[in-house]
């Protein structure tokens, strides 16, 4: 053993393998793969593998959706880029149209994730399915969340940025929060800014 990675030992491939597993199988396989890397004197790879966190059921379902529906996932990521661009430019007509698409597509993709999880023997509760929906909304709103989902390595529920909430995305001024509430010292979102 010369310490070089053998077939199937690439850290990225190992992480992809781990995040494709149901959560119940994750820890045992992670420990097995980390031990294998240590045995091959690849301590840094072993540490990186061991640092991988077991996904929640919602995280696993989101990853499963990403891997199982690559064409739909690509279109979903494109919609997210378009939605973020429309939001950044505050194009009300574009926001309204994209927001309607977002709601419809998030709902459909969440149902697909639930069906895939059920087929894999891990049905999702209503709460977990709502967590998947929240993650998908985050993927549309946040480029960092989109990158995590695109890599298929979601660990838990990803949440959209507060300023990119469903009501704000609709860009209807009457639906926006009043300025005094947004900047109030008692508003938790305002304190974070």
C-alpha atoms as a PDB file:
ATOM      1  CA  UNK A   1       0.000   0.000   0.000  1.00  0.00           C
ATOM      2  CA  UNK A   2       1.574   3.207  -1.174  1.00  0.00           C
ATOM      3  CA  UNK A   3      -0.995   5.624   0.244  1.00  0.00           C
ATOM      4  CA  UNK A   4      -2.375   6.577  -3.142  1.00  0.00           C
ATOM      5  CA  UNK A   5      -6.136   6.351  -3.601  1.00  0.00           C
ATOM      6  CA  UNK A   6      -7.307   3.173  -5.253  1.00  0.00           C
ATOM      7  CA  UNK A   7     -10.468   2.724  -7.277  1.00  0.00           C
ATOM      8  CA  UNK A   8     -13.428   4.066  -5.328  1.00  0.00           C
ATOM      9  CA  UNK A   9     -11.180   5.778  -2.755  1.00  0.00           C
ATOM     10  CA  UNK A  10     -11.409   9.341  -4.053  1.00  0.00           C
ATOM     11  CA  UNK A  11     -12.744  11.447  -1.161  1.00  0.00           C
ATOM     12  CA  UNK A  12     -15.310  13.216  -3.346  1.00  0.00           C
ATOM     13  CA  UNK A  13     -16.587   9.863  -4.635  1.00  0.00           C
ATOM     14  CA  UNK A  14     -16.774   8.534  -1.066  1.00  0.00           C
ATOM     15  CA  UNK A  15     -18.756  11.601   0.049  1.00  0.00           C
ATOM     16  CA  UNK A  16     -21.101  11.205  -2.928  1.00  0.00           C
ATOM     17  CA  UNK A  17     -21.577   7.557  -1.950  1.00  0.00           C
ATOM     18  CA  UNK A  18     -22.306   8.471   1.675  1.00  0.00           C
ATOM     19  CA  UNK A  19     -24.871  11.154   0.900  1.00  0.00           C
ATOM     20  CA  UNK A  20     -26.694   8.796  -1.450  1.00  0.00           C
ATOM     21  CA  UNK A  21     -27.267   6.327   1.405  1.00  0.00           C
ATOM     22  CA  UNK A  22     -30.356   6.372   3.620  1.00  0.00           C
ATOM     23  CA  UNK A  23     -29.543   8.029   6.969  1.00  0.00           C
ATOM     24  CA  UNK A  24     -29.740   4.681   8.809  1.00  0.00           C
ATOM     25  CA  UNK A  25     -26.780   3.345   6.788  1.00  0.00           C
ATOM     26  CA  UNK A  26     -24.694   6.516   6.772  1.00  0.00           C
ATOM     27  CA  UNK A  27     -22.673   6.289  10.003  1.00  0.00           C
ATOM     28  CA  UNK A  28     -21.569   2.666   9.600  1.00  0.00           C
ATOM     29  CA  UNK A  29     -20.427   3.266   6.025  1.00  0.00           C
ATOM     30  CA  UNK A  30     -18.724   6.534   6.953  1.00  0.00           C
ATOM     31  CA  UNK A  31     -16.736   4.804   9.687  1.00  0.00           C
ATOM     32  CA  UNK A  32     -15.832   1.954   7.346  1.00  0.00           C
ATOM     33  CA  UNK A  33     -14.633   4.357   4.629  1.00  0.00           C
ATOM     34  CA  UNK A  34     -12.703   6.548   7.115  1.00  0.00           C
ATOM     35  CA  UNK A  35     -10.988   3.466   8.572  1.00  0.00           C
ATOM     36  CA  UNK A  36     -10.080   2.344   5.073  1.00  0.00           C
ATOM     37  CA  UNK A  37      -8.482   5.726   4.356  1.00  0.00           C
ATOM     38  CA  UNK A  38      -6.541   5.564   7.667  1.00  0.00           C
ATOM     39  CA  UNK A  39      -5.333   2.053   6.842  1.00  0.00           C
ATOM     40  CA  UNK A  40      -4.036   3.389   3.544  1.00  0.00           C
ATOM     41  CA  UNK A  41      -2.208   6.145   5.432  1.00  0.00           C
ATOM     42  CA  UNK A  42      -4.387   8.915   4.104  1.00  0.00           C
ATOM     43  CA  UNK A  43      -5.084  10.656   7.409  1.00  0.00           C
ATOM     44  CA  UNK A  44      -6.353  13.896   5.861  1.00  0.00           C
ATOM     45  CA  UNK A  45      -8.864  11.963   3.707  1.00  0.00           C
ATOM     46  CA  UNK A  46      -9.917   9.946   6.760  1.00  0.00           C
ATOM     47  CA  UNK A  47     -10.546  13.150   8.746  1.00  0.00           C
ATOM     48  CA  UNK A  48     -12.577  14.643   5.917  1.00  0.00           C
ATOM     49  CA  UNK A  49     -14.677  11.492   5.528  1.00  0.00           C
ATOM     50  CA  UNK A  50     -15.179  11.205   9.285  1.00  0.00           C
ATOM     51  CA  UNK A  51     -16.292  14.864   9.422  1.00  0.00           C
ATOM     52  CA  UNK A  52     -19.200  14.185   7.058  1.00  0.00           C
ATOM     53  CA  UNK A  53     -22.453  14.623   8.949  1.00  0.00           C
ATOM     54  CA  UNK A  54     -25.310  12.162   8.682  1.00  0.00           C
ATOM     55  CA  UNK A  55     -28.197  13.807   6.834  1.00  0.00           C
ATOM     56  CA  UNK A  56     -31.637  14.111   8.326  1.00  0.00           C
ATOM     57  CA  UNK A  57     -34.423  12.280   6.522  1.00  0.00           C
ATOM     58  CA  UNK A  58     -35.376  15.573   4.822  1.00  0.00           C
ATOM     59  CA  UNK A  59     -31.763  16.168   3.759  1.00  0.00           C
ATOM     60  CA  UNK A  60     -31.488  12.646   2.390  1.00  0.00           C
ATOM     61  CA  UNK A  61     -34.791  13.027   0.486  1.00  0.00           C
ATOM     62  CA  UNK A  62     -33.573  16.309  -1.044  1.00  0.00           C
ATOM     63  CA  UNK A  63     -30.317  14.594  -2.086  1.00  0.00           C
ATOM     64  CA  UNK A  64     -32.259  11.636  -3.466  1.00  0.00           C
ATOM     65  CA  UNK A  65     -34.386  13.995  -5.548  1.00  0.00           C
ATOM     66  CA  UNK A  66     -31.279  15.749  -6.893  1.00  0.00           C
ATOM     67  CA  UNK A  67     -29.624  12.484  -7.916  1.00  0.00           C
ATOM     68  CA  UNK A  68     -32.754  10.778  -9.258  1.00  0.00           C
ATOM     69  CA  UNK A  69     -34.072  13.652 -11.370  1.00  0.00           C
ATOM     70  CA  UNK A  70     -30.972  15.355 -12.877  1.00  0.00           C
ATOM     71  CA  UNK A  71     -32.800  17.113 -15.734  1.00  0.00           C
ATOM     72  CA  UNK A  72     -35.501  18.484 -13.457  1.00  0.00           C
ATOM     73  CA  UNK A  73     -32.846  19.471 -10.922  1.00  0.00           C
ATOM     74  CA  UNK A  74     -30.927  21.392 -13.597  1.00  0.00           C
ATOM     75  CA  UNK A  75     -34.095  23.286 -14.607  1.00  0.00           C
ATOM     76  CA  UNK A  76     -34.861  23.940 -10.929  1.00  0.00           C
ATOM     77  CA  UNK A  77     -31.396  25.418 -10.401  1.00  0.00           C
ATOM     78  CA  UNK A  78     -31.859  27.598 -13.511  1.00  0.00           C
ATOM     79  CA  UNK A  79     -35.186  28.841 -12.133  1.00  0.00           C
ATOM     80  CA  UNK A  80     -33.408  29.736  -8.905  1.00  0.00           C
ATOM     81  CA  UNK A  81     -30.784  31.775 -10.761  1.00  0.00           C
ATOM     82  CA  UNK A  82     -33.530  33.588 -12.715  1.00  0.00           C
ATOM     83  CA  UNK A  83     -35.532  34.216  -9.541  1.00  0.00           C
ATOM     84  CA  UNK A  84     -32.504  35.610  -7.679  1.00  0.00           C
ATOM     85  CA  UNK A  85     -31.674  37.840 -10.655  1.00  0.00           C
ATOM     86  CA  UNK A  86     -35.259  39.132 -10.872  1.00  0.00           C
ATOM     87  CA  UNK A  87     -35.247  39.748  -7.127  1.00  0.00           C
ATOM     88  CA  UNK A  88     -31.911  41.591  -7.336  1.00  0.00           C
ATOM     89  CA  UNK A  89     -33.213  43.853 -10.095  1.00  0.00           C
ATOM     90  CA  UNK A  90     -36.649  44.112  -8.451  1.00  0.00           C
ATOM     91  CA  UNK A  91     -38.443  43.425 -11.718  1.00  0.00           C
ATOM     92  CA  UNK A  92     -42.046  43.154 -10.437  1.00  0.00           C
ATOM     93  CA  UNK A  93     -43.467  41.435 -13.527  1.00  0.00           C
ATOM     94  CA  UNK A  94     -40.618  38.924 -13.626  1.00  0.00           C
ATOM     95  CA  UNK A  95     -40.909  38.339  -9.887  1.00  0.00           C
ATOM     96  CA  UNK A  96     -44.628  37.715 -10.069  1.00  0.00           C
ATOM     97  CA  UNK A  97     -44.277  35.191 -12.899  1.00  0.00           C
ATOM     98  CA  UNK A  98     -41.270  33.450 -11.368  1.00  0.00           C
ATOM     99  CA  UNK A  99     -42.882  33.380  -7.929  1.00  0.00           C
ATOM    100  CA  UNK A 100     -45.890  31.521  -9.321  1.00  0.00           C
ATOM    101  CA  UNK A 101     -43.525  29.047 -11.011  1.00  0.00           C
ATOM    102  CA  UNK A 102     -41.576  28.698  -7.776  1.00  0.00           C
ATOM    103  CA  UNK A 103     -44.624  27.756  -5.703  1.00  0.00           C
ATOM    104  CA  UNK A 104     -45.854  25.239  -8.263  1.00  0.00           C
ATOM    105  CA  UNK A 105     -42.445  23.652  -8.874  1.00  0.00           C
ATOM    106  CA  UNK A 106     -41.466  23.473  -5.181  1.00  0.00           C
ATOM    107  CA  UNK A 107     -44.726  21.709  -4.425  1.00  0.00           C
ATOM    108  CA  UNK A 108     -44.313  19.272  -7.317  1.00  0.00           C
ATOM    109  CA  UNK A 109     -40.676  18.523  -6.531  1.00  0.00           C
ATOM    110  CA  UNK A 110     -41.494  17.993  -2.863  1.00  0.00           C
ATOM    111  CA  UNK A 111     -44.112  15.421  -3.883  1.00  0.00           C
ATOM    112  CA  UNK A 112     -41.532  13.746  -6.135  1.00  0.00           C
ATOM    113  CA  UNK A 113     -39.042  13.578  -3.257  1.00  0.00           C
ATOM    114  CA  UNK A 114     -41.711  12.001  -1.049  1.00  0.00           C
ATOM    115  CA  UNK A 115     -42.533   9.425  -3.747  1.00  0.00           C
ATOM    116  CA  UNK A 116     -38.849   8.571  -4.238  1.00  0.00           C
ATOM    117  CA  UNK A 117     -38.321   8.212  -0.482  1.00  0.00           C
ATOM    118  CA  UNK A 118     -41.407   5.994  -0.210  1.00  0.00           C
ATOM    119  CA  UNK A 119     -40.126   3.815  -3.100  1.00  0.00           C
ATOM    120  CA  UNK A 120     -36.789   3.527  -1.251  1.00  0.00           C
ATOM    121  CA  UNK A 121     -38.617   2.298   1.855  1.00  0.00           C
ATOM    122  CA  UNK A 122     -38.447   5.538   3.844  1.00  0.00           C
ATOM    123  CA  UNK A 123     -41.826   7.322   3.712  1.00  0.00           C
ATOM    124  CA  UNK A 124     -41.795  10.976   4.743  1.00  0.00           C
ATOM    125  CA  UNK A 125     -44.102  12.403   7.371  1.00  0.00           C
ATOM    126  CA  UNK A 126     -45.916  15.658   6.602  1.00  0.00           C
ATOM    127  CA  UNK A 127     -43.369  17.501   8.759  1.00  0.00           C
ATOM    128  CA  UNK A 128     -40.396  16.032   6.901  1.00  0.00           C
ATOM    129  CA  UNK A 129     -42.037  16.798   3.553  1.00  0.00           C
ATOM    130  CA  UNK A 130     -42.477  20.435   4.676  1.00  0.00           C
ATOM    131  CA  UNK A 131     -38.755  20.438   5.574  1.00  0.00           C
ATOM    132  CA  UNK A 132     -37.994  19.266   2.025  1.00  0.00           C
ATOM    133  CA  UNK A 133     -40.141  22.130   0.686  1.00  0.00           C
ATOM    134  CA  UNK A 134     -38.265  24.613   2.887  1.00  0.00           C
ATOM    135  CA  UNK A 135     -34.962  23.249   1.584  1.00  0.00           C
ATOM    136  CA  UNK A 136     -36.139  23.567  -2.012  1.00  0.00           C
ATOM    137  CA  UNK A 137     -37.219  27.181  -1.394  1.00  0.00           C
ATOM    138  CA  UNK A 138     -33.749  27.843   0.033  1.00  0.00           C
ATOM    139  CA  UNK A 139     -32.158  26.320  -3.074  1.00  0.00           C
ATOM    140  CA  UNK A 140     -34.087  28.818  -5.194  1.00  0.00           C
ATOM    141  CA  UNK A 141     -33.287  31.786  -2.957  1.00  0.00           C
ATOM    142  CA  UNK A 142     -29.686  31.230  -1.882  1.00  0.00           C
ATOM    143  CA  UNK A 143     -26.744  30.424  -4.181  1.00  0.00           C
ATOM    144  CA  UNK A 144     -24.897  28.675  -1.328  1.00  0.00           C
ATOM    145  CA  UNK A 145     -27.882  26.415  -0.623  1.00  0.00           C
ATOM    146  CA  UNK A 146     -28.150  25.782  -4.372  1.00  0.00           C
ATOM    147  CA  UNK A 147     -24.498  24.686  -4.451  1.00  0.00           C
ATOM    148  CA  UNK A 148     -24.993  22.273  -1.531  1.00  0.00           C
ATOM    149  CA  UNK A 149     -28.071  20.735  -3.165  1.00  0.00           C
ATOM    150  CA  UNK A 150     -26.431  20.625  -6.583  1.00  0.00           C
ATOM    151  CA  UNK A 151     -23.578  18.630  -5.026  1.00  0.00           C
ATOM    152  CA  UNK A 152     -26.161  16.279  -3.460  1.00  0.00           C
ATOM    153  CA  UNK A 153     -24.808  16.837   0.057  1.00  0.00           C
ATOM    154  CA  UNK A 154     -27.665  18.386   2.008  1.00  0.00           C
ATOM    155  CA  UNK A 155     -27.314  17.455   5.690  1.00  0.00           C
ATOM    156  CA  UNK A 156     -30.417  19.053   7.181  1.00  0.00           C
ATOM    157  CA  UNK A 157     -33.090  21.605   6.447  1.00  0.00           C
ATOM    158  CA  UNK A 158     -31.775  24.525   4.419  1.00  0.00           C
ATOM    159  CA  UNK A 159     -33.691  27.729   5.083  1.00  0.00           C
ATOM    160  CA  UNK A 160     -34.181  30.595   2.656  1.00  0.00           C
ATOM    161  CA  UNK A 161     -32.842  34.017   3.629  1.00  0.00           C
ATOM    162  CA  UNK A 162     -35.504  35.997   5.478  1.00  0.00           C
ATOM    163  CA  UNK A 163     -35.372  38.859   2.989  1.00  0.00           C
ATOM    164  CA  UNK A 164     -36.248  36.396   0.228  1.00  0.00           C
ATOM    165  CA  UNK A 165     -39.477  35.146   1.808  1.00  0.00           C
ATOM    166  CA  UNK A 166     -42.487  34.033  -0.196  1.00  0.00           C
ATOM    167  CA  UNK A 167     -44.380  37.269   0.367  1.00  0.00           C
ATOM    168  CA  UNK A 168     -41.425  39.448  -0.598  1.00  0.00           C
ATOM    169  CA  UNK A 169     -40.746  37.405  -3.721  1.00  0.00           C
ATOM    170  CA  UNK A 170     -44.269  38.093  -4.934  1.00  0.00           C
ATOM    171  CA  UNK A 171     -43.218  41.770  -5.052  1.00  0.00           C
ATOM    172  CA  UNK A 172     -46.656  43.057  -4.231  1.00  0.00           C
ATOM    173  CA  UNK A 173     -45.992  46.233  -2.216  1.00  0.00           C
ATOM    174  CA  UNK A 174     -49.201  45.803  -0.218  1.00  0.00           C
ATOM    175  CA  UNK A 175     -47.975  42.405   0.990  1.00  0.00           C
ATOM    176  CA  UNK A 176     -44.592  43.642   2.180  1.00  0.00           C
ATOM    177  CA  UNK A 177     -43.937  44.136   5.844  1.00  0.00           C
ATOM    178  CA  UNK A 178     -44.159  47.770   7.015  1.00  0.00           C
ATOM    179  CA  UNK A 179     -40.762  49.459   7.361  1.00  0.00           C
ATOM    180  CA  UNK A 180     -41.184  50.052  11.093  1.00  0.00           C
ATOM    181  CA  UNK A 181     -41.687  46.323  11.731  1.00  0.00           C
ATOM    182  CA  UNK A 182     -38.646  45.386   9.662  1.00  0.00           C
ATOM    183  CA  UNK A 183     -36.320  47.713  11.557  1.00  0.00           C
ATOM    184  CA  UNK A 184     -37.824  47.345  15.017  1.00  0.00           C
ATOM    185  CA  UNK A 185     -35.385  46.445  17.765  1.00  0.00           C
ATOM    186  CA  UNK A 186     -37.718  43.646  18.847  1.00  0.00           C
ATOM    187  CA  UNK A 187     -37.735  42.016  15.405  1.00  0.00           C
ATOM    188  CA  UNK A 188     -35.273  39.065  15.438  1.00  0.00           C
ATOM    189  CA  UNK A 189     -34.606  39.393  11.696  1.00  0.00           C
ATOM    190  CA  UNK A 190     -33.704  43.062  12.098  1.00  0.00           C
ATOM    191  CA  UNK A 191     -31.300  42.285  14.966  1.00  0.00           C
ATOM    192  CA  UNK A 192     -29.362  39.864  12.751  1.00  0.00           C
ATOM    193  CA  UNK A 193     -28.677  42.541  10.095  1.00  0.00           C
END
